[in-house]
Amino acid sequence: MSAELPTLVLATANPEKLVELSRILAAGHVGVRLLGAGEFPGAPEVAETGRTFAENALLKASSMARYSGLPAVADDSGLCVDALNGMPGVLSARWAGRHGDDEANLRLVLAQLGDVPEEHRGAHFACAAALVLPSGREHVSEGTLRGQVIREPRGTNGFGYDPIFVPEGDDRTTAQLSPAEKDAISHRGRALRGLAPVIAALVH
């Protein structure tokens, strides 16, 4: 490999997600220089109009690859609650009406599950991660994490619905796990680890 590392753009303006994506790719020993969307002022805002996580991830990665002229990675993820027929799903970030209001989204899900007994509070986190090259070549990797929605938030790590989600086989929420523990099992960790060897092969 040359001394000049290839550059990869992470198509997200969410600082927590940028840290998480960077950490997971670094742990996968992918030798790239990572830039966030903030490094590209004027990059178009992409409406998440896809019906699936994969469609939305591809929309965001494709837009950034075209704008930056560099390989781009984007992800789309959400909480899919069994008792809500898989919702909020792709609407997770704007479930309460305003995009990115984590507290309002979380409280709305808890209110909607208010009278749902423990045995029917199953859910899973889902994530699709997309890599798009300037040539238009695409690759998508997906990951899920099964668990249960509890009744009150616990923990201060993570973001989004992490404080109300307990993974199967644990009694802590994903907001109570250390970053390394979360990355090892998370839907986003699994999806991005699936992309890591593809990124390593395609960007060199």
Protein backbone atom coordinates (compact mmCIF):
# COMPACT_ATOMS: atom_id res chain seq x y z
CA MET A 1 0.00 0.00 0.00
CA SER A 2 1.28 3.46 -0.81
CA ALA A 3 1.97 5.97 1.92
CA GLU A 4 -1.00 7.99 0.68
CA LEU A 5 -4.12 6.48 2.24
CA PRO A 6 -7.22 6.46 0.06
CA THR A 7 -9.99 8.80 1.23
CA LEU A 8 -13.48 7.66 2.16
CA VAL A 9 -16.38 9.98 2.95
CA LEU A 10 -18.86 9.05 5.68
CA ALA A 11 -22.11 10.59 4.47
CA THR A 12 -23.52 11.61 7.83
CA ALA A 13 -23.84 14.90 9.69
CA ASN A 14 -24.67 13.07 12.95
CA PRO A 15 -21.53 13.47 15.13
CA GLU A 16 -22.29 10.42 17.30
CA LYS A 17 -22.78 8.26 14.22
CA LEU A 18 -19.59 9.62 12.65
CA VAL A 19 -17.61 8.62 15.75
CA GLU A 20 -19.22 5.18 15.77
CA LEU A 21 -18.66 4.54 12.05
CA SER A 22 -15.05 5.71 12.29
CA ARG A 23 -14.41 3.45 15.31
CA ILE A 24 -15.89 0.36 13.65
CA LEU A 25 -13.95 0.84 10.40
CA ALA A 26 -10.73 1.48 12.32
CA ALA A 27 -11.27 -1.72 14.31
CA GLY A 28 -11.68 -3.54 11.00
CA HIS A 29 -8.17 -2.36 10.04
CA VAL A 30 -9.43 -0.65 6.91
CA GLY A 31 -6.59 1.67 5.89
CA VAL A 32 -8.44 4.78 4.75
CA ARG A 33 -8.53 8.47 5.59
CA LEU A 34 -12.05 9.20 6.82
CA LEU A 35 -13.84 12.47 6.15
CA GLY A 36 -17.28 13.46 7.42
CA ALA A 37 -20.02 15.15 5.43
CA GLY A 38 -19.17 18.38 7.26
CA GLU A 39 -15.95 18.55 5.20
CA PHE A 40 -18.07 19.16 2.09
CA PRO A 41 -20.06 22.38 2.56
CA GLY A 42 -22.92 22.65 0.13
CA ALA A 43 -23.42 18.91 -0.16
CA PRO A 44 -27.10 18.36 -0.95
CA GLU A 45 -29.49 17.28 1.78
CA VAL A 46 -30.87 13.89 0.80
CA ALA A 47 -34.52 13.12 1.51
CA GLU A 48 -34.83 9.62 2.96
CA THR A 49 -37.64 8.59 0.63
CA GLY A 50 -36.70 4.90 0.37
CA ARG A 51 -39.05 2.21 1.64
CA THR A 52 -36.17 0.19 3.09
CA PHE A 53 -33.01 0.91 5.05
CA ALA A 54 -30.94 -0.24 2.07
CA GLU A 55 -32.67 2.16 -0.32
CA ASN A 56 -32.09 5.10 2.02
CA ALA A 57 -28.43 4.19 2.62
CA LEU A 58 -27.84 3.99 -1.14
CA LEU A 59 -29.57 7.34 -1.72
CA LYS A 60 -27.26 9.05 0.78
CA ALA A 61 -24.04 7.32 -0.30
CA SER A 62 -24.75 7.86 -4.02
CA SER A 63 -25.42 11.56 -3.51
CA MET A 64 -22.20 12.05 -1.53
CA ALA A 65 -20.10 10.02 -4.00
CA ARG A 66 -21.38 12.20 -6.86
CA TYR A 67 -20.84 15.44 -4.97
CA SER A 68 -17.39 14.65 -3.55
CA GLY A 69 -15.98 12.50 -6.33
CA LEU A 70 -14.83 10.08 -3.62
CA PRO A 71 -15.99 6.67 -2.39
CA ALA A 72 -18.79 7.26 0.13
CA VAL A 73 -20.34 5.19 2.89
CA ALA A 74 -23.76 5.87 4.39
CA ASP A 75 -26.01 3.91 6.66
CA ASP A 76 -29.66 3.94 7.54
CA SER A 77 -30.94 2.26 10.65
CA GLY A 78 -33.87 2.10 12.98
CA LEU A 79 -35.87 0.31 15.61
CA CYS A 80 -38.45 -2.24 14.44
CA VAL A 81 -40.95 -3.12 17.20
CA ASP A 82 -42.93 -6.36 16.87
CA ALA A 83 -46.06 -4.98 18.59
CA LEU A 84 -46.01 -1.97 16.22
CA ASN A 85 -45.86 -4.15 13.10
CA GLY A 86 -42.19 -3.37 12.59
CA MET A 87 -42.49 0.37 13.07
CA PRO A 88 -40.97 2.94 13.52
CA GLY A 89 -38.62 1.20 11.04
CA VAL A 90 -37.37 3.58 8.34
CA LEU A 91 -39.29 6.38 10.10
CA SER A 92 -37.30 5.94 13.34
CA ALA A 93 -35.46 9.29 13.16
CA ARG A 94 -38.69 11.24 12.63
CA TRP A 95 -41.24 9.07 14.44
CA ALA A 96 -42.47 11.94 16.61
CA GLY A 97 -42.67 14.30 13.65
CA ARG A 98 -39.41 16.25 13.71
CA HIS A 99 -36.30 14.62 12.29
CA GLY A 100 -33.63 13.79 14.86
CA ASP A 101 -35.57 14.56 18.07
CA ASP A 102 -34.31 11.47 19.91
CA GLU A 103 -36.08 12.21 23.19
CA ALA A 104 -39.49 12.79 21.57
CA ASN A 105 -39.13 9.69 19.38
CA LEU A 106 -38.21 7.51 22.34
CA ARG A 107 -41.05 8.82 24.50
CA LEU A 108 -43.58 8.24 21.72
CA VAL A 109 -42.53 4.59 21.33
CA LEU A 110 -42.77 4.08 25.10
CA ALA A 111 -46.25 5.64 25.13
CA GLN A 112 -47.37 3.43 22.24
CA LEU A 113 -46.18 0.35 24.14
CA GLY A 114 -47.63 1.51 27.46
CA ASP A 115 -50.08 -1.39 27.89
CA VAL A 116 -48.04 -4.03 26.03
CA PRO A 117 -46.91 -6.83 28.40
CA GLU A 118 -43.24 -7.84 28.69
CA GLU A 119 -43.61 -11.00 26.59
CA HIS A 120 -44.80 -8.96 23.59
CA ARG A 121 -42.20 -6.18 23.73
CA GLY A 122 -39.77 -7.86 21.33
CA ALA A 123 -37.97 -5.67 18.80
CA HIS A 124 -34.85 -5.47 16.70
CA PHE A 125 -32.48 -2.81 15.53
CA ALA A 126 -31.78 -2.99 11.78
CA CYS A 127 -29.06 -1.29 9.76
CA ALA A 128 -28.07 -1.18 6.11
CA ALA A 129 -24.65 0.23 5.22
CA ALA A 130 -23.92 1.20 1.64
CA LEU A 131 -20.64 1.86 -0.17
CA VAL A 132 -20.88 3.75 -3.47
CA LEU A 133 -17.87 4.53 -5.67
CA PRO A 134 -17.72 7.56 -7.98
CA SER A 135 -18.06 5.07 -10.87
CA GLY A 136 -21.52 4.19 -9.55
CA ARG A 137 -20.53 0.76 -8.27
CA GLU A 138 -22.54 -0.14 -5.17
CA HIS A 139 -22.37 -2.60 -2.31
CA VAL A 140 -24.79 -2.99 0.61
CA SER A 141 -24.34 -4.90 3.87
CA GLU A 142 -27.04 -5.38 6.50
CA GLY A 143 -27.08 -6.22 10.20
CA THR A 144 -29.68 -6.75 12.93
CA LEU A 145 -29.75 -7.00 16.72
CA ARG A 146 -32.68 -8.68 18.48
CA GLY A 147 -33.87 -7.62 21.89
CA GLN A 148 -36.68 -6.08 23.88
CA VAL A 149 -38.03 -2.60 24.60
CA ILE A 150 -38.09 -1.80 28.32
CA ARG A 151 -40.41 0.66 30.06
CA GLU A 152 -37.99 3.42 31.18
CA PRO A 153 -34.74 4.69 29.65
CA ARG A 154 -31.48 3.53 31.23
CA GLY A 155 -27.91 4.55 30.39
CA THR A 156 -26.19 7.54 28.85
CA ASN A 157 -24.02 5.98 26.12
CA GLY A 158 -25.24 5.68 22.57
CA PHE A 159 -28.05 7.70 21.04
CA GLY A 160 -31.50 7.31 19.52
CA TYR A 161 -33.43 4.41 21.03
CA ASP A 162 -30.40 2.89 22.79
CA PRO A 163 -31.65 3.75 26.33
CA ILE A 164 -34.83 1.64 25.94
CA PHE A 165 -33.43 -1.40 24.09
CA VAL A 166 -32.02 -4.47 25.89
CA PRO A 167 -30.24 -6.94 23.57
CA GLU A 168 -31.01 -10.64 23.84
CA GLY A 169 -28.76 -12.35 26.38
CA ASP A 170 -28.03 -9.17 28.34
CA ASP A 171 -29.81 -7.22 31.07
CA ARG A 172 -28.30 -3.85 30.12
CA THR A 173 -29.58 -1.45 27.50
CA THR A 174 -27.38 -0.62 24.53
CA ALA A 175 -26.94 2.80 26.20
CA GLN A 176 -25.33 1.04 29.19
CA LEU A 177 -22.77 -0.86 27.12
CA SER A 178 -19.27 0.43 26.52
CA PRO A 179 -18.57 1.56 22.95
CA ALA A 180 -16.51 -1.59 22.30
CA GLU A 181 -19.24 -3.86 23.72
CA LYS A 182 -21.88 -2.16 21.61
CA ASP A 183 -19.82 -2.28 18.41
CA ALA A 184 -19.24 -6.03 18.87
CA ILE A 185 -22.96 -6.86 18.76
CA SER A 186 -24.74 -3.86 17.25
CA HIS A 187 -26.70 -3.82 14.02
CA ARG A 188 -24.46 -1.00 12.77
CA GLY A 189 -21.30 -2.84 13.79
CA ARG A 190 -22.43 -5.96 11.94
CA ALA A 191 -23.43 -4.06 8.80
CA LEU A 192 -20.19 -2.07 8.68
CA ARG A 193 -17.99 -5.08 9.38
CA GLY A 194 -19.64 -6.66 6.35
CA LEU A 195 -18.54 -3.65 4.29
CA ALA A 196 -14.99 -3.46 5.66
CA PRO A 197 -13.39 -6.08 3.37
CA VAL A 198 -15.25 -4.63 0.35
CA ILE A 199 -14.01 -1.13 1.20
CA ALA A 200 -10.47 -2.46 1.64
CA ALA A 201 -10.59 -4.15 -1.78
CA LEU A 202 -12.37 -1.44 -3.74
CA VAL A 203 -10.70 1.74 -2.58
CA HIS A 204 -7.13 0.57 -3.13
